[in-house]
N, C-alpha and C. Protein backbone atom coordinates (compact mmCIF):
# COMPACT_ATOMS: atom_id res chain seq x y z
N MET A 1 53.59 -44.70 16.70
CA MET A 1 53.02 -43.41 17.03
C MET A 1 53.91 -42.31 16.48
N THR A 2 53.29 -41.22 16.13
CA THR A 2 54.00 -40.08 15.59
C THR A 2 53.74 -38.89 16.51
N THR A 3 54.74 -38.04 16.64
CA THR A 3 54.55 -36.84 17.47
C THR A 3 54.54 -35.61 16.58
N ALA A 4 53.83 -34.61 17.04
CA ALA A 4 53.76 -33.33 16.34
C ALA A 4 53.61 -32.25 17.41
N VAL A 5 53.79 -31.00 17.00
CA VAL A 5 53.61 -29.89 17.92
C VAL A 5 52.38 -29.11 17.48
N ARG A 6 51.43 -28.98 18.38
CA ARG A 6 50.19 -28.26 18.11
C ARG A 6 49.97 -27.26 19.21
N ASP A 7 49.81 -26.00 18.86
CA ASP A 7 49.59 -24.93 19.84
C ASP A 7 50.70 -24.92 20.89
N GLY A 8 51.91 -25.20 20.45
CA GLY A 8 53.06 -25.17 21.36
C GLY A 8 53.18 -26.39 22.25
N ARG A 9 52.29 -27.38 22.08
CA ARG A 9 52.35 -28.59 22.89
C ARG A 9 52.64 -29.79 22.01
N ARG A 10 53.40 -30.72 22.54
CA ARG A 10 53.71 -31.95 21.80
C ARG A 10 52.54 -32.92 21.95
N VAL A 11 52.05 -33.42 20.84
CA VAL A 11 50.95 -34.39 20.85
C VAL A 11 51.38 -35.65 20.10
N THR A 12 50.80 -36.77 20.50
CA THR A 12 51.09 -38.04 19.86
C THR A 12 49.82 -38.53 19.18
N TYR A 13 49.95 -39.04 17.97
CA TYR A 13 48.79 -39.56 17.28
C TYR A 13 49.16 -40.81 16.51
N ARG A 14 48.15 -41.63 16.24
CA ARG A 14 48.33 -42.87 15.51
C ARG A 14 48.29 -42.56 14.01
N PRO A 15 49.27 -43.05 13.26
CA PRO A 15 49.24 -42.80 11.81
C PRO A 15 48.06 -43.52 11.15
N ARG A 16 47.68 -43.04 9.99
CA ARG A 16 46.57 -43.65 9.26
C ARG A 16 46.92 -45.09 8.88
N MET A 17 45.86 -45.92 8.81
CA MET A 17 46.04 -47.30 8.38
C MET A 17 45.92 -47.37 6.86
N ASN A 18 46.74 -48.23 6.25
CA ASN A 18 46.57 -48.44 4.82
C ASN A 18 45.35 -49.34 4.62
N PRO A 19 44.81 -49.41 3.42
CA PRO A 19 43.56 -50.16 3.20
C PRO A 19 43.62 -51.63 3.64
N ALA A 20 44.72 -52.30 3.40
CA ALA A 20 44.83 -53.71 3.79
C ALA A 20 44.83 -53.85 5.31
N GLU A 21 45.57 -52.98 5.98
CA GLU A 21 45.62 -53.00 7.44
C GLU A 21 44.25 -52.67 8.03
N ARG A 22 43.57 -51.72 7.40
CA ARG A 22 42.24 -51.32 7.86
C ARG A 22 41.27 -52.49 7.76
N ASP A 23 41.32 -53.24 6.66
CA ASP A 23 40.43 -54.40 6.47
C ASP A 23 40.73 -55.49 7.50
N ARG A 24 42.01 -55.76 7.74
CA ARG A 24 42.39 -56.78 8.74
C ARG A 24 41.93 -56.37 10.13
N THR A 25 42.13 -55.10 10.46
CA THR A 25 41.73 -54.60 11.78
C THR A 25 40.22 -54.67 11.93
N ALA A 26 39.48 -54.27 10.89
CA ALA A 26 38.02 -54.30 10.95
C ALA A 26 37.52 -55.73 11.15
N ALA A 27 38.13 -56.69 10.48
CA ALA A 27 37.71 -58.09 10.63
C ALA A 27 38.00 -58.60 12.04
N ARG A 28 39.14 -58.23 12.59
CA ARG A 28 39.50 -58.64 13.96
C ARG A 28 38.55 -58.02 14.97
N LEU A 29 38.23 -56.73 14.80
CA LEU A 29 37.31 -56.06 15.70
C LEU A 29 35.92 -56.68 15.61
N ARG A 30 35.50 -57.04 14.41
CA ARG A 30 34.19 -57.66 14.23
C ARG A 30 34.11 -58.98 14.99
N GLU A 31 35.17 -59.79 14.90
CA GLU A 31 35.20 -61.07 15.62
C GLU A 31 35.05 -60.84 17.13
N GLU A 32 35.79 -59.88 17.66
CA GLU A 32 35.72 -59.59 19.09
C GLU A 32 34.32 -59.12 19.49
N TYR A 33 33.74 -58.25 18.67
CA TYR A 33 32.40 -57.73 18.96
C TYR A 33 31.37 -58.85 18.92
N GLU A 34 31.47 -59.72 17.94
CA GLU A 34 30.50 -60.80 17.79
C GLU A 34 30.66 -61.87 18.88
N GLN A 35 31.79 -61.88 19.59
CA GLN A 35 31.98 -62.78 20.72
C GLN A 35 31.32 -62.22 21.98
N GLY A 36 30.74 -61.03 21.90
CA GLY A 36 30.00 -60.47 23.01
C GLY A 36 30.59 -59.24 23.64
N ASN A 37 31.75 -58.80 23.21
CA ASN A 37 32.34 -57.57 23.76
C ASN A 37 31.57 -56.35 23.28
N SER A 38 31.58 -55.31 24.08
CA SER A 38 30.93 -54.06 23.70
C SER A 38 31.82 -53.28 22.73
N VAL A 39 31.24 -52.31 22.06
CA VAL A 39 32.04 -51.46 21.15
C VAL A 39 33.15 -50.78 21.96
N ARG A 40 32.79 -50.26 23.14
CA ARG A 40 33.79 -49.59 23.97
C ARG A 40 34.87 -50.56 24.43
N GLY A 41 34.48 -51.78 24.79
CA GLY A 41 35.44 -52.78 25.22
C GLY A 41 36.40 -53.17 24.09
N VAL A 42 35.86 -53.33 22.89
CA VAL A 42 36.69 -53.65 21.72
C VAL A 42 37.65 -52.49 21.44
N ALA A 43 37.12 -51.26 21.53
CA ALA A 43 37.95 -50.07 21.27
C ALA A 43 39.10 -49.98 22.27
N ASN A 44 38.79 -50.17 23.55
CA ASN A 44 39.84 -50.10 24.57
C ASN A 44 40.90 -51.17 24.36
N GLY A 45 40.46 -52.38 24.02
CA GLY A 45 41.40 -53.47 23.79
C GLY A 45 42.30 -53.24 22.59
N ALA A 46 41.80 -52.53 21.59
CA ALA A 46 42.56 -52.28 20.37
C ALA A 46 43.36 -50.98 20.44
N GLY A 47 43.10 -50.18 21.47
CA GLY A 47 43.79 -48.89 21.57
C GLY A 47 43.28 -47.87 20.57
N LEU A 48 42.01 -47.99 20.21
CA LEU A 48 41.39 -47.08 19.25
C LEU A 48 40.30 -46.29 19.94
N SER A 49 39.88 -45.20 19.32
CA SER A 49 38.77 -44.43 19.86
C SER A 49 37.46 -45.16 19.59
N TYR A 50 36.43 -44.80 20.35
CA TYR A 50 35.11 -45.38 20.16
C TYR A 50 34.63 -45.13 18.73
N GLY A 51 34.77 -43.89 18.25
CA GLY A 51 34.29 -43.53 16.91
C GLY A 51 34.99 -44.31 15.80
N THR A 52 36.30 -44.46 15.91
CA THR A 52 37.05 -45.21 14.91
C THR A 52 36.60 -46.67 14.91
N THR A 53 36.46 -47.24 16.10
CA THR A 53 36.03 -48.63 16.23
C THR A 53 34.64 -48.82 15.65
N TYR A 54 33.74 -47.91 15.96
CA TYR A 54 32.36 -47.97 15.46
C TYR A 54 32.36 -47.96 13.93
N ARG A 55 33.11 -47.05 13.34
CA ARG A 55 33.17 -46.95 11.87
C ARG A 55 33.78 -48.20 11.25
N LEU A 56 34.82 -48.76 11.88
CA LEU A 56 35.43 -49.98 11.35
C LEU A 56 34.47 -51.16 11.44
N LEU A 57 33.71 -51.24 12.53
CA LEU A 57 32.72 -52.32 12.66
C LEU A 57 31.67 -52.21 11.56
N LEU A 58 31.20 -51.01 11.30
CA LEU A 58 30.21 -50.82 10.23
C LEU A 58 30.80 -51.16 8.87
N ALA A 59 32.05 -50.77 8.65
CA ALA A 59 32.71 -51.06 7.37
C ALA A 59 32.89 -52.56 7.17
N ALA A 60 33.01 -53.31 8.27
CA ALA A 60 33.17 -54.76 8.18
C ALA A 60 31.83 -55.47 8.02
N GLY A 61 30.73 -54.71 7.98
CA GLY A 61 29.41 -55.30 7.79
C GLY A 61 28.82 -55.89 9.06
N THR A 62 29.27 -55.42 10.21
CA THR A 62 28.80 -55.93 11.49
C THR A 62 27.38 -55.46 11.75
N VAL A 63 26.53 -56.37 12.21
CA VAL A 63 25.18 -56.02 12.65
C VAL A 63 25.31 -55.68 14.12
N LEU A 64 25.12 -54.41 14.45
CA LEU A 64 25.32 -53.95 15.81
C LEU A 64 24.11 -54.25 16.68
N ARG A 65 24.40 -54.59 17.94
CA ARG A 65 23.33 -54.82 18.91
C ARG A 65 22.73 -53.48 19.32
N THR A 66 21.55 -53.55 19.97
CA THR A 66 20.95 -52.33 20.49
C THR A 66 21.82 -51.82 21.63
N ARG A 67 21.64 -50.58 22.00
CA ARG A 67 22.46 -50.00 23.06
C ARG A 67 22.28 -50.72 24.39
N ALA A 68 21.12 -51.32 24.60
CA ALA A 68 20.90 -52.06 25.84
C ALA A 68 21.61 -53.41 25.80
N GLY A 69 22.13 -53.80 24.64
CA GLY A 69 22.87 -55.04 24.52
C GLY A 69 22.00 -56.25 24.31
N ARG A 70 20.69 -56.04 24.17
CA ARG A 70 19.78 -57.16 23.97
C ARG A 70 19.00 -56.94 22.67
N PRO A 71 18.98 -57.93 21.81
CA PRO A 71 18.16 -57.79 20.60
C PRO A 71 16.70 -57.57 20.97
N GLY A 72 16.06 -56.63 20.35
CA GLY A 72 14.66 -56.34 20.59
C GLY A 72 14.38 -55.63 21.90
N ALA A 73 15.40 -55.02 22.49
CA ALA A 73 15.19 -54.31 23.75
C ALA A 73 14.26 -53.13 23.52
N PRO A 74 13.34 -52.91 24.45
CA PRO A 74 12.42 -51.79 24.27
C PRO A 74 13.14 -50.45 24.33
N THR A 75 12.73 -49.54 23.50
CA THR A 75 13.29 -48.20 23.52
C THR A 75 12.28 -47.27 24.15
N THR A 76 12.68 -46.58 25.18
CA THR A 76 11.75 -45.68 25.86
C THR A 76 12.15 -44.26 25.68
């Protein structure tokens, strides 16, 4: 983690991943998701934001389930 000062407050942020690390992380996240974990559950386990996890899953070619968690769930 890296710290910086923004608006007079100290903030901590995760440094960017290099391409190889990003690919490895995306593959690991995809495995967890395909084992039945939710996007939010995978994100929490990896210490990443929901948005970052979602983008990494898409980059790994993951076929995402519907929001209801069931294939073919009705949308109302």
